[in-house]
């Protein structure tokens, strides 16, 4: 497989076939992220994608089907025009019939540029899930981290994906508002998640990465990351104040201090009780050690 630079995928796509269809991220300005800063965004040639799919097909014919899922890299492959995405999805369906679902990163820009009819066409061609790094439901936080979207656009993104029949997995970042905006970040994230009501939500914990604009702001004293327990309080607020119909809510990413895997609202009382116990004790020995945390 032809992979250019570092390749990232959601944790739930760990066993998926990774097909790089774009290089880098078309936005690439989020203050906390360094994943694609060493890449210039560009689509990959279709001929190279065909070669990668042919390689995966040969491996499957030799060893048997090795996965039922594929994930299109890089950072926001969904930004590609529908007329470029459809042939890729059709190629995968034709050459790799054992692939049952294709996933992709997407956001308010990439979803907002496509009509519901276009999204439906992509779903019919095999696109089953969009992973959306929302990060926050607070407009002030979104502006500060240069996310490139607004609260209203997040809600519209959820509506379009739901109407198109594509699963929506939303990621939020604990601590991304810093100490100053911690409470409003948590409360407004909970309220926008309630309006979106996605089937999947994953909470990650902000890590200040050297060389990013967020790290520069921290060095200048303009940004202060909330304490470990304050970020757990944010997590509690999000769980307590979100109103879901049926959502798989997780906080089991390698960055998190407290691992959670739950179904909300069914498990809400149990999750809140566990978080309250940790917040009452304030014993760091109950948290994941820094040495075991990762991006």
Protein backbone atom coordinates (compact mmCIF):
# COMPACT_ATOMS: atom_id res chain seq x y z
CA UNK A 1 0.00 0.00 0.00
CA UNK A 2 1.24 3.46 -0.86
CA UNK A 3 1.06 5.55 2.31
CA UNK A 4 2.37 9.10 2.25
CA UNK A 5 3.46 10.36 5.68
CA UNK A 6 1.90 9.36 8.98
CA UNK A 7 -1.48 7.64 8.75
CA UNK A 8 -4.23 8.14 11.32
CA UNK A 9 -7.58 6.42 11.80
CA UNK A 10 -10.23 6.23 14.54
CA UNK A 11 -9.63 3.60 17.25
CA UNK A 12 -12.68 1.64 16.09
CA UNK A 13 -11.09 1.25 12.65
CA UNK A 14 -8.04 -0.57 14.03
CA UNK A 15 -8.70 -3.70 11.95
CA UNK A 16 -9.90 -1.87 8.84
CA UNK A 17 -8.25 -1.71 5.45
CA UNK A 18 -6.73 1.79 5.26
CA UNK A 19 -6.92 3.33 1.80
CA UNK A 20 -5.27 6.74 1.52
CA UNK A 21 -7.28 8.79 -0.98
CA UNK A 22 -6.13 12.27 0.07
CA UNK A 23 -2.87 13.50 1.51
CA UNK A 24 -3.11 15.81 4.51
CA UNK A 25 -6.02 17.96 5.68
CA UNK A 26 -7.65 20.70 3.62
CA UNK A 27 -8.28 22.84 6.73
CA UNK A 28 -5.15 22.05 8.75
CA UNK A 29 -5.52 25.04 11.10
CA UNK A 30 -6.91 23.52 14.31
CA UNK A 31 -4.70 24.91 17.07
CA UNK A 32 -4.35 21.63 19.00
CA UNK A 33 -3.49 19.36 16.04
CA UNK A 34 -0.15 18.50 14.45
CA UNK A 35 -1.27 15.41 12.55
CA UNK A 36 -0.99 16.84 9.06
CA UNK A 37 1.16 19.96 9.42
CA UNK A 38 3.97 18.32 7.48
CA UNK A 39 1.74 17.61 4.47
CA UNK A 40 0.33 19.76 1.70
CA UNK A 41 -3.28 18.79 1.06
CA UNK A 42 -3.95 17.11 -2.28
CA UNK A 43 -6.04 14.26 -3.66
CA UNK A 44 -4.18 11.09 -4.59
CA UNK A 45 -4.18 9.94 -8.19
CA UNK A 46 -6.95 7.49 -8.93
CA UNK A 47 -4.40 5.19 -10.59
CA UNK A 48 -2.56 4.88 -7.27
CA UNK A 49 -5.80 4.16 -5.42
CA UNK A 50 -6.57 1.45 -8.00
CA UNK A 51 -3.13 -0.06 -7.40
CA UNK A 52 -3.67 -0.07 -3.62
CA UNK A 53 -7.06 -1.74 -3.97
CA UNK A 54 -5.54 -4.32 -6.35
CA UNK A 55 -2.87 -5.07 -3.74
CA UNK A 56 -5.55 -5.57 -1.08
CA UNK A 57 -7.50 -7.81 -3.46
CA UNK A 58 -4.42 -9.97 -4.14
CA UNK A 59 -3.78 -10.31 -0.41
CA UNK A 60 -7.39 -11.35 0.18
CA UNK A 61 -7.25 -13.92 -2.60
CA UNK A 62 -4.05 -15.38 -1.17
CA UNK A 63 -4.88 -15.33 2.53
CA UNK A 64 -8.65 -14.94 2.66
CA UNK A 65 -10.74 -11.86 3.48
CA UNK A 66 -8.92 -10.13 6.34
CA UNK A 67 -11.44 -7.44 7.28
CA UNK A 68 -15.00 -6.37 6.62
CA UNK A 69 -14.31 -2.65 6.85
CA UNK A 70 -12.32 -0.01 5.02
CA UNK A 71 -11.36 3.50 6.07
CA UNK A 72 -10.50 6.30 3.67
CA UNK A 73 -7.55 8.42 4.85
CA UNK A 74 -6.34 11.23 5.37
CA UNK A 75 -7.80 13.91 7.56
CA UNK A 76 -10.95 14.80 5.69
CA UNK A 77 -11.29 12.63 2.60
CA UNK A 78 -14.99 13.51 2.53
CA UNK A 79 -13.99 16.98 1.31
CA UNK A 80 -13.44 15.43 -2.13
CA UNK A 81 -16.24 16.16 -4.59
CA UNK A 82 -18.87 13.46 -4.87
CA UNK A 83 -17.83 12.80 -8.47
CA UNK A 84 -14.36 11.82 -7.18
CA UNK A 85 -15.55 9.86 -4.16
CA UNK A 86 -18.14 7.73 -5.93
CA UNK A 87 -15.64 6.01 -8.26
CA UNK A 88 -13.45 5.18 -5.23
CA UNK A 89 -16.34 3.64 -3.34
CA UNK A 90 -17.51 1.79 -6.46
CA UNK A 91 -13.97 0.47 -6.97
CA UNK A 92 -13.85 -0.90 -3.44
CA UNK A 93 -17.29 -2.49 -3.77
CA UNK A 94 -16.40 -4.10 -7.10
CA UNK A 95 -12.92 -5.36 -6.28
CA UNK A 96 -13.32 -6.03 -2.55
CA UNK A 97 -16.86 -7.40 -2.16
CA UNK A 98 -16.09 -8.61 1.38
CA UNK A 99 -15.95 -4.96 2.56
CA UNK A 100 -19.28 -4.28 4.24
CA UNK A 101 -18.69 -0.71 5.42
CA UNK A 102 -16.47 2.20 4.46
CA UNK A 103 -15.70 4.96 6.95
CA UNK A 104 -14.20 8.42 6.59
CA UNK A 105 -13.34 11.53 8.60
CA UNK A 106 -15.68 14.43 7.86
CA UNK A 107 -16.73 17.76 9.33
CA UNK A 108 -19.12 20.66 8.87
CA UNK A 109 -17.31 21.84 5.74
CA UNK A 110 -17.20 18.51 3.95
CA UNK A 111 -20.75 17.49 4.87
CA UNK A 112 -22.13 20.98 4.31
CA UNK A 113 -20.82 21.09 0.74
CA UNK A 114 -22.84 18.02 -0.20
CA UNK A 115 -26.58 17.78 -0.65
CA UNK A 116 -28.53 15.09 1.14
CA UNK A 117 -29.01 13.46 -2.26
CA UNK A 118 -25.23 13.33 -2.76
CA UNK A 119 -24.74 11.88 0.70
CA UNK A 120 -27.38 9.24 -0.03
CA UNK A 121 -25.54 8.32 -3.23
CA UNK A 122 -22.33 7.90 -1.24
CA UNK A 123 -24.15 5.74 1.30
CA UNK A 124 -25.60 3.56 -1.45
CA UNK A 125 -22.07 3.16 -2.83
CA UNK A 126 -20.82 1.89 0.53
CA UNK A 127 -20.09 4.86 2.81
CA UNK A 128 -21.47 3.77 6.17
CA UNK A 129 -20.03 6.08 8.82
CA UNK A 130 -18.56 9.58 9.14
CA UNK A 131 -16.24 10.35 12.08
CA UNK A 132 -16.68 13.99 13.00
CA UNK A 133 -14.17 15.75 15.24
CA UNK A 134 -16.58 18.32 16.64
CA UNK A 135 -14.36 18.95 19.71
CA UNK A 136 -16.74 21.47 21.33
CA UNK A 137 -20.31 22.71 21.14
CA UNK A 138 -19.36 26.21 22.25
CA UNK A 139 -18.90 28.83 19.54
CA UNK A 140 -16.28 30.79 21.49
CA UNK A 141 -14.17 27.67 21.98
CA UNK A 142 -14.61 26.67 18.33
CA UNK A 143 -13.36 30.10 17.24
CA UNK A 144 -10.37 30.00 19.58
CA UNK A 145 -9.24 26.59 18.33
CA UNK A 146 -9.89 27.63 14.70
CA UNK A 147 -12.07 24.61 14.10
CA UNK A 148 -13.71 26.02 11.01
CA UNK A 149 -17.30 25.34 12.02
CA UNK A 150 -20.04 26.65 14.28
CA UNK A 151 -22.52 25.12 16.69
CA UNK A 152 -25.37 25.60 14.21
CA UNK A 153 -23.33 23.95 11.47
CA UNK A 154 -22.63 20.97 13.73
CA UNK A 155 -26.34 20.44 14.24
CA UNK A 156 -26.97 20.75 10.50
CA UNK A 157 -24.21 18.21 9.83
CA UNK A 158 -25.96 15.70 12.09
CA UNK A 159 -29.29 16.34 10.39
CA UNK A 160 -27.90 15.79 6.90
CA UNK A 161 -26.11 12.56 7.81
CA UNK A 162 -29.18 11.22 9.60
CA UNK A 163 -31.40 12.03 6.63
CA UNK A 164 -28.92 10.35 4.29
CA UNK A 165 -28.81 7.21 6.45
CA UNK A 166 -25.10 7.49 7.29
CA UNK A 167 -23.94 6.74 10.85
CA UNK A 168 -22.43 9.72 12.64
CA UNK A 169 -19.66 9.29 15.20
CA UNK A 170 -18.92 12.54 17.05
CA UNK A 171 -15.68 13.23 18.91
CA UNK A 172 -15.35 15.84 21.65
CA UNK A 173 -12.21 17.06 23.43
CA UNK A 174 -12.16 17.44 27.19
CA UNK A 175 -10.13 20.48 28.23
CA UNK A 176 -9.92 22.08 24.80
CA UNK A 177 -11.49 25.32 26.07
CA UNK A 178 -8.77 25.71 28.67
CA UNK A 179 -9.38 26.77 32.28
CA UNK A 180 -11.10 29.99 31.24
CA UNK A 181 -13.85 28.37 29.16
CA UNK A 182 -14.02 24.98 30.84
CA UNK A 183 -17.57 25.21 32.20
CA UNK A 184 -19.19 26.73 29.13
CA UNK A 185 -17.32 24.28 26.90
CA UNK A 186 -18.73 21.31 28.83
CA UNK A 187 -22.28 22.62 29.15
CA UNK A 188 -22.59 23.80 25.56
CA UNK A 189 -21.03 20.58 24.28
CA UNK A 190 -23.69 18.65 26.20
CA UNK A 191 -26.48 20.81 24.79
CA UNK A 192 -25.33 20.55 21.17
CA UNK A 193 -24.85 16.78 21.50
CA UNK A 194 -28.44 16.60 22.73
CA UNK A 195 -29.64 18.43 19.65
CA UNK A 196 -27.50 16.28 17.35
CA UNK A 197 -28.42 13.00 19.08
CA UNK A 198 -25.81 10.95 17.18
CA UNK A 199 -25.54 7.16 17.50
CA UNK A 200 -21.89 7.35 18.62
CA UNK A 201 -19.98 9.83 20.80
CA UNK A 202 -16.35 9.56 21.85
CA UNK A 203 -14.75 11.83 24.44
CA UNK A 204 -10.99 12.34 24.20
CA UNK A 205 -8.72 14.37 26.48
CA UNK A 206 -6.73 17.30 25.15
CA UNK A 207 -2.97 16.90 25.06
CA UNK A 208 -0.91 19.99 24.29
CA UNK A 209 1.39 18.92 21.47
CA UNK A 210 4.74 20.72 21.06
CA UNK A 211 4.94 22.89 17.97
CA UNK A 212 1.21 23.56 17.72
CA UNK A 213 -0.41 26.99 18.09
CA UNK A 214 -1.99 25.73 21.33
CA UNK A 215 1.47 24.96 22.72
CA UNK A 216 2.62 28.45 21.76
CA UNK A 217 -0.40 29.96 23.53
CA UNK A 218 0.38 27.87 26.59
CA UNK A 219 3.99 29.05 26.61
CA UNK A 220 2.78 32.67 26.52
CA UNK A 221 0.37 32.07 29.39
CA UNK A 222 -2.65 32.64 27.13
CA UNK A 223 -3.91 29.06 27.45
CA UNK A 224 -3.97 26.93 30.57
CA UNK A 225 -5.02 23.29 30.32
CA UNK A 226 -7.53 22.38 33.05
CA UNK A 227 -6.37 20.00 35.77
CA UNK A 228 -6.97 16.26 35.43
CA UNK A 229 -9.92 16.35 37.80
CA UNK A 230 -11.37 19.46 36.16
CA UNK A 231 -11.40 17.61 32.84
CA UNK A 232 -13.14 14.69 34.54
CA UNK A 233 -15.69 17.21 35.82
CA UNK A 234 -16.20 18.29 32.21
CA UNK A 235 -16.83 14.67 31.30
CA UNK A 236 -19.36 14.38 34.11
CA UNK A 237 -21.18 17.51 32.93
CA UNK A 238 -21.37 16.20 29.38
CA UNK A 239 -22.77 12.85 30.52
CA UNK A 240 -25.18 14.41 33.02
CA UNK A 241 -26.59 17.13 30.77
CA UNK A 242 -26.73 15.31 27.42
CA UNK A 243 -30.09 13.89 26.44
CA UNK A 244 -29.72 11.02 23.99
CA UNK A 245 -32.17 8.63 22.41
CA UNK A 246 -29.77 5.70 22.05
CA UNK A 247 -26.07 6.57 21.94
CA UNK A 248 -22.96 4.50 22.45
CA UNK A 249 -20.86 6.86 24.57
CA UNK A 250 -17.19 6.09 25.17
CA UNK A 251 -14.23 7.75 26.81
CA UNK A 252 -11.82 4.85 26.40
CA UNK A 253 -9.34 6.56 24.08
CA UNK A 254 -5.68 6.26 25.08
CA UNK A 255 -5.69 9.96 26.05
CA UNK A 256 -8.34 9.60 28.75
CA UNK A 257 -7.72 9.41 32.48
CA UNK A 258 -10.88 7.42 33.18
CA UNK A 259 -12.00 4.76 30.68
CA UNK A 260 -15.73 4.62 29.99
CA UNK A 261 -17.75 2.53 27.58
CA UNK A 262 -21.50 2.88 27.94
CA UNK A 263 -24.89 3.13 26.32
CA UNK A 264 -26.79 6.30 27.10
CA UNK A 265 -29.29 6.98 28.54
CA UNK A 266 -29.40 3.38 29.85
CA UNK A 267 -26.11 3.57 31.77
CA UNK A 268 -26.23 7.23 32.79
CA UNK A 269 -26.76 6.66 36.53
CA UNK A 270 -23.96 4.10 36.72
CA UNK A 271 -21.50 6.31 34.81
CA UNK A 272 -22.29 9.36 36.94
CA UNK A 273 -21.93 7.33 40.15
CA UNK A 274 -18.49 6.10 39.05
CA UNK A 275 -17.34 9.60 38.11
CA UNK A 276 -18.71 11.08 41.34
CA UNK A 277 -16.73 8.55 43.37
CA UNK A 278 -13.51 9.48 41.58
CA UNK A 279 -14.19 13.20 41.94
CA UNK A 280 -14.94 12.83 45.63
CA UNK A 281 -11.73 10.90 46.37
CA UNK A 282 -9.44 13.03 44.17
CA UNK A 283 -6.91 10.19 44.31
CA UNK A 284 -4.66 10.29 41.24
CA UNK A 285 -3.84 6.62 41.75
CA UNK A 286 -7.31 5.88 40.35
CA UNK A 287 -6.46 7.66 37.10
CA UNK A 288 -4.52 6.34 34.13
CA UNK A 289 -0.83 7.22 34.66
CA UNK A 290 0.68 9.78 32.31
CA UNK A 291 3.11 7.12 31.07
CA UNK A 292 0.21 5.11 29.67
CA UNK A 293 -1.60 7.98 28.01
CA UNK A 294 -1.18 8.62 24.31
CA UNK A 295 -2.67 10.63 21.44
